[in-house]
Amino acid sequence: MPAVRKAAIRELAAAAYELDAKVVEGELYRDPQGGWWVGEVPLSDWLEVFSGQRVYLILASLEDERPLPSKVCRTCGTEYVGTGCPRCREARIRLRGPRSG
């Protein structure tokens, strides 16, 4: 089940990229001076861009082993695990038809 959680986190990150939100991925650690880093990115510098703004800050661990709870779709009643009902997603794709572009 952990693979589902990781996939959901990656979907969330992909959605954030599509919104032109800032996303950083890597190991979270503290340097000897007390500064927080994610991978090679110092969080203080990364967050400075948003100083004075109202923001959402979402942190999700890829090492979390808890299974995602199942949900029931409010539209079709299908029980599913993840960020969206797969049955309704398939129906939306089918009804929209192939994308031209």
N, C-alpha and C. Protein backbone atom coordinates (compact mmCIF):
# COMPACT_ATOMS: atom_id res chain seq x y z
N MET A 1 0.80 -1.21 0.00
CA MET A 1 0.00 0.00 0.00
C MET A 1 0.84 1.28 0.00
N PRO A 2 2.07 1.28 0.54
CA PRO A 2 2.87 2.50 0.54
C PRO A 2 3.08 3.08 -0.85
N ALA A 3 3.10 2.25 -1.89
CA ALA A 3 3.28 2.76 -3.24
C ALA A 3 2.13 3.68 -3.63
N VAL A 4 0.93 3.40 -3.14
CA VAL A 4 -0.22 4.25 -3.42
C VAL A 4 -0.03 5.61 -2.77
N ARG A 5 0.45 5.63 -1.53
CA ARG A 5 0.70 6.90 -0.84
C ARG A 5 1.75 7.71 -1.60
N LYS A 6 2.82 7.08 -2.02
CA LYS A 6 3.86 7.79 -2.77
C LYS A 6 3.31 8.33 -4.08
N ALA A 7 2.49 7.55 -4.75
CA ALA A 7 1.90 8.01 -6.01
C ALA A 7 0.98 9.20 -5.77
N ALA A 8 0.23 9.18 -4.68
CA ALA A 8 -0.66 10.30 -4.36
C ALA A 8 0.14 11.56 -4.06
N ILE A 9 1.26 11.41 -3.36
CA ILE A 9 2.12 12.56 -3.05
C ILE A 9 2.70 13.13 -4.35
N ARG A 10 3.13 12.25 -5.23
CA ARG A 10 3.67 12.72 -6.51
C ARG A 10 2.60 13.40 -7.36
N GLU A 11 1.36 12.90 -7.30
CA GLU A 11 0.25 13.56 -7.99
C GLU A 11 0.03 14.96 -7.44
N LEU A 12 0.09 15.09 -6.12
CA LEU A 12 -0.06 16.40 -5.48
C LEU A 12 1.05 17.35 -5.94
N ALA A 13 2.28 16.86 -5.99
CA ALA A 13 3.39 17.68 -6.45
C ALA A 13 3.21 18.08 -7.91
N ALA A 14 2.74 17.16 -8.74
CA ALA A 14 2.51 17.47 -10.16
C ALA A 14 1.43 18.53 -10.31
N ALA A 15 0.38 18.43 -9.50
CA ALA A 15 -0.68 19.44 -9.54
C ALA A 15 -0.13 20.80 -9.12
N ALA A 16 0.76 20.82 -8.14
CA ALA A 16 1.37 22.07 -7.69
C ALA A 16 2.20 22.69 -8.81
N TYR A 17 2.99 21.86 -9.51
CA TYR A 17 3.78 22.36 -10.65
C TYR A 17 2.87 23.00 -11.70
N GLU A 18 1.72 22.36 -11.97
CA GLU A 18 0.79 22.88 -12.97
C GLU A 18 0.23 24.23 -12.57
N LEU A 19 0.17 24.50 -11.27
CA LEU A 19 -0.31 25.79 -10.78
C LEU A 19 0.82 26.81 -10.65
N ASP A 20 2.00 26.47 -11.15
CA ASP A 20 3.20 27.30 -11.02
C ASP A 20 3.57 27.54 -9.56
N ALA A 21 3.23 26.59 -8.69
CA ALA A 21 3.62 26.67 -7.29
C ALA A 21 5.07 26.21 -7.15
N LYS A 22 5.68 26.59 -6.08
CA LYS A 22 7.06 26.16 -5.81
C LYS A 22 7.03 24.80 -5.13
N VAL A 23 7.81 23.89 -5.65
CA VAL A 23 7.89 22.53 -5.11
C VAL A 23 9.36 22.17 -4.97
N VAL A 24 9.71 21.58 -3.85
CA VAL A 24 11.08 21.12 -3.64
C VAL A 24 11.01 19.70 -3.10
N GLU A 25 11.91 18.85 -3.58
CA GLU A 25 11.93 17.46 -3.15
C GLU A 25 13.34 17.07 -2.76
N GLY A 26 13.47 16.29 -1.73
CA GLY A 26 14.77 15.81 -1.29
C GLY A 26 14.72 15.44 0.17
N GLU A 27 15.88 15.08 0.70
CA GLU A 27 15.96 14.71 2.12
C GLU A 27 15.99 15.98 2.96
N LEU A 28 15.17 16.03 4.00
CA LEU A 28 15.11 17.15 4.92
C LEU A 28 16.17 16.94 6.01
N TYR A 29 17.03 17.95 6.19
CA TYR A 29 18.04 17.85 7.24
C TYR A 29 18.41 19.23 7.74
N ARG A 30 19.09 19.23 8.88
CA ARG A 30 19.55 20.47 9.49
C ARG A 30 21.06 20.54 9.41
N ASP A 31 21.59 21.69 8.98
CA ASP A 31 23.05 21.83 8.90
C ASP A 31 23.61 22.16 10.29
N PRO A 32 24.94 22.15 10.44
CA PRO A 32 25.55 22.41 11.76
C PRO A 32 25.20 23.79 12.34
N GLN A 33 24.88 24.75 11.50
CA GLN A 33 24.52 26.08 11.98
C GLN A 33 23.04 26.17 12.35
N GLY A 34 22.28 25.11 12.13
CA GLY A 34 20.86 25.10 12.51
C GLY A 34 19.91 25.40 11.37
N GLY A 35 20.42 25.62 10.17
CA GLY A 35 19.55 25.91 9.03
C GLY A 35 18.94 24.63 8.46
N TRP A 36 17.71 24.74 7.99
CA TRP A 36 17.02 23.60 7.39
C TRP A 36 17.25 23.56 5.90
N TRP A 37 17.48 22.36 5.37
CA TRP A 37 17.71 22.14 3.95
C TRP A 37 16.83 21.01 3.45
N VAL A 38 16.45 21.08 2.19
CA VAL A 38 15.82 19.95 1.49
C VAL A 38 16.72 19.68 0.30
N GLY A 39 17.42 18.55 0.35
CA GLY A 39 18.41 18.26 -0.69
C GLY A 39 19.48 19.33 -0.67
N GLU A 40 19.68 20.00 -1.79
CA GLU A 40 20.69 21.07 -1.90
C GLU A 40 20.08 22.47 -1.75
N VAL A 41 18.82 22.54 -1.34
CA VAL A 41 18.11 23.82 -1.28
C VAL A 41 17.97 24.28 0.17
N PRO A 42 18.54 25.46 0.50
CA PRO A 42 18.34 25.99 1.85
C PRO A 42 16.90 26.53 1.98
N LEU A 43 16.15 26.01 2.94
CA LEU A 43 14.74 26.39 3.06
C LEU A 43 14.55 27.87 3.36
N SER A 44 15.46 28.48 4.13
CA SER A 44 15.31 29.90 4.44
C SER A 44 15.33 30.74 3.16
N ASP A 45 16.22 30.43 2.23
CA ASP A 45 16.27 31.16 0.96
C ASP A 45 15.03 30.86 0.12
N TRP A 46 14.62 29.61 0.11
CA TRP A 46 13.47 29.17 -0.69
C TRP A 46 12.19 29.84 -0.19
N LEU A 47 12.05 29.96 1.16
CA LEU A 47 10.85 30.56 1.75
C LEU A 47 10.88 32.08 1.69
N GLU A 48 12.06 32.67 1.61
CA GLU A 48 12.19 34.14 1.58
C GLU A 48 11.37 34.76 0.45
N VAL A 49 11.25 34.05 -0.65
CA VAL A 49 10.48 34.54 -1.81
C VAL A 49 9.03 34.84 -1.41
N PHE A 50 8.52 34.14 -0.41
CA PHE A 50 7.12 34.27 -0.02
C PHE A 50 6.92 35.11 1.24
N SER A 51 7.97 35.76 1.71
CA SER A 51 7.88 36.56 2.92
C SER A 51 6.75 37.59 2.80
N GLY A 52 5.90 37.64 3.82
CA GLY A 52 4.80 38.59 3.84
C GLY A 52 3.56 38.14 3.09
N GLN A 53 3.60 36.98 2.45
CA GLN A 53 2.45 36.48 1.70
C GLN A 53 1.73 35.40 2.50
N ARG A 54 0.45 35.25 2.24
CA ARG A 54 -0.32 34.16 2.84
C ARG A 54 -0.10 32.92 1.97
N VAL A 55 0.35 31.81 2.56
CA VAL A 55 0.72 30.62 1.79
C VAL A 55 0.16 29.35 2.43
N TYR A 56 0.16 28.28 1.66
CA TYR A 56 -0.02 26.92 2.16
C TYR A 56 1.35 26.27 2.11
N LEU A 57 1.73 25.61 3.16
CA LEU A 57 2.98 24.85 3.17
C LEU A 57 2.60 23.40 3.46
N ILE A 58 2.83 22.52 2.50
CA ILE A 58 2.46 21.11 2.64
C ILE A 58 3.74 20.29 2.63
N LEU A 59 3.94 19.50 3.66
CA LEU A 59 5.08 18.59 3.73
C LEU A 59 4.54 17.17 3.80
N ALA A 60 5.07 16.30 2.99
CA ALA A 60 4.64 14.90 2.99
C ALA A 60 5.87 14.01 2.91
N SER A 61 5.93 13.03 3.78
CA SER A 61 7.06 12.12 3.80
C SER A 61 6.84 10.96 2.85
N LEU A 62 7.82 10.70 1.99
CA LEU A 62 7.75 9.54 1.11
C LEU A 62 8.09 8.26 1.86
N GLU A 63 8.51 8.39 3.11
CA GLU A 63 8.85 7.21 3.92
C GLU A 63 7.71 6.78 4.82
N ASP A 64 6.58 7.47 4.77
CA ASP A 64 5.41 7.12 5.57
C ASP A 64 4.84 5.81 5.05
N GLU A 65 4.75 4.81 5.90
CA GLU A 65 4.31 3.47 5.48
C GLU A 65 2.82 3.22 5.72
N ARG A 66 2.11 4.20 6.28
CA ARG A 66 0.68 3.98 6.54
C ARG A 66 -0.09 3.85 5.24
N PRO A 67 -1.04 2.94 5.17
CA PRO A 67 -1.86 2.83 3.96
C PRO A 67 -2.84 4.01 3.88
N LEU A 68 -3.19 4.40 2.68
CA LEU A 68 -4.20 5.44 2.50
C LEU A 68 -5.56 4.85 2.81
N PRO A 69 -6.43 5.61 3.46
CA PRO A 69 -7.77 5.10 3.72
C PRO A 69 -8.59 5.08 2.43
N SER A 70 -9.51 4.14 2.33
CA SER A 70 -10.37 4.11 1.14
C SER A 70 -11.47 5.16 1.32
N LYS A 71 -11.99 5.63 0.20
CA LYS A 71 -13.04 6.64 0.18
C LYS A 71 -14.18 6.13 -0.69
N VAL A 72 -15.35 6.75 -0.55
CA VAL A 72 -16.48 6.42 -1.41
C VAL A 72 -16.79 7.66 -2.24
N CYS A 73 -16.83 7.50 -3.56
CA CYS A 73 -17.10 8.61 -4.46
C CYS A 73 -18.51 9.13 -4.23
N ARG A 74 -18.65 10.43 -4.07
CA ARG A 74 -19.97 11.05 -3.85
C ARG A 74 -20.80 11.06 -5.12
N THR A 75 -20.17 10.89 -6.26
CA THR A 75 -20.89 10.92 -7.53
C THR A 75 -21.43 9.55 -7.91
N CYS A 76 -20.56 8.53 -7.90
CA CYS A 76 -20.98 7.21 -8.41
C CYS A 76 -21.03 6.12 -7.34
N GLY A 77 -20.52 6.39 -6.14
CA GLY A 77 -20.58 5.41 -5.07
C GLY A 77 -19.46 4.39 -5.07
N THR A 78 -18.51 4.51 -5.99
CA THR A 78 -17.40 3.57 -6.06
C THR A 78 -16.44 3.79 -4.89
N GLU A 79 -16.00 2.71 -4.27
CA GLU A 79 -14.98 2.80 -3.23
C GLU A 79 -13.61 2.78 -3.91
N TYR A 80 -12.72 3.70 -3.52
CA TYR A 80 -11.41 3.80 -4.16
C TYR A 80 -10.37 4.27 -3.16
N VAL A 81 -9.11 4.12 -3.52
CA VAL A 81 -7.98 4.61 -2.74
C VAL A 81 -7.20 5.54 -3.65
N GLY A 82 -6.85 6.71 -3.15
CA GLY A 82 -6.09 7.67 -3.96
C GLY A 82 -6.73 9.04 -3.91
N THR A 83 -6.37 9.86 -4.90
CA THR A 83 -6.83 11.25 -4.89
C THR A 83 -8.12 11.49 -5.65
N GLY A 84 -8.54 10.56 -6.47
CA GLY A 84 -9.76 10.75 -7.24
C GLY A 84 -10.36 9.43 -7.67
N CYS A 85 -11.65 9.43 -7.89
CA CYS A 85 -12.35 8.21 -8.28
C CYS A 85 -11.91 7.79 -9.69
N PRO A 86 -11.35 6.60 -9.83
CA PRO A 86 -10.90 6.16 -11.16
C PRO A 86 -12.05 5.93 -12.13
N ARG A 87 -13.20 5.51 -11.62
CA ARG A 87 -14.36 5.28 -12.50
C ARG A 87 -14.86 6.60 -13.10
N CYS A 88 -14.98 7.62 -12.29
CA CYS A 88 -15.42 8.93 -12.78
C CYS A 88 -14.36 9.56 -13.69
N ARG A 89 -13.08 9.36 -13.37
CA ARG A 89 -12.00 9.88 -14.22
C ARG A 89 -12.08 9.25 -15.61
N GLU A 90 -12.27 7.94 -15.66
CA GLU A 90 -12.40 7.25 -16.96
C GLU A 90 -13.61 7.77 -17.73
N ALA A 91 -14.72 8.00 -17.03
CA ALA A 91 -15.93 8.51 -17.70
C ALA A 91 -15.68 9.91 -18.25
N ARG A 92 -15.00 10.76 -17.48
CA ARG A 92 -14.70 12.12 -17.98
C ARG A 92 -13.85 12.06 -19.23
N ILE A 93 -12.84 11.21 -19.22
CA ILE A 93 -11.96 11.07 -20.40
C ILE A 93 -12.75 10.56 -21.59
N ARG A 94 -13.59 9.56 -21.35
CA ARG A 94 -14.38 8.98 -22.43
C ARG A 94 -15.35 10.02 -23.02
N LEU A 95 -15.99 10.82 -22.17
CA LEU A 95 -16.97 11.81 -22.64
C LEU A 95 -16.31 12.99 -23.35
N ARG A 96 -15.11 13.35 -22.95
CA ARG A 96 -14.40 14.46 -23.60
C ARG A 96 -13.89 14.07 -24.97
N GLY A 97 -13.64 12.79 -25.16
CA GLY A 97 -13.09 12.33 -26.44
C GLY A 97 -11.60 12.60 -26.50
N PRO A 98 -10.99 12.20 -27.62
CA PRO A 98 -9.54 12.43 -27.78
C PRO A 98 -9.26 13.92 -27.86
N ARG A 99 -8.17 14.31 -27.24
CA ARG A 99 -7.78 15.73 -27.28
C ARG A 99 -7.04 16.02 -28.57
N SER A 100 -7.35 17.14 -29.16
CA SER A 100 -6.61 17.57 -30.35
C SER A 100 -5.62 18.62 -29.92
N GLY A 101 -4.53 18.70 -30.61
CA GLY A 101 -3.66 19.71 -30.12
C GLY A 101 -2.37 19.76 -30.73
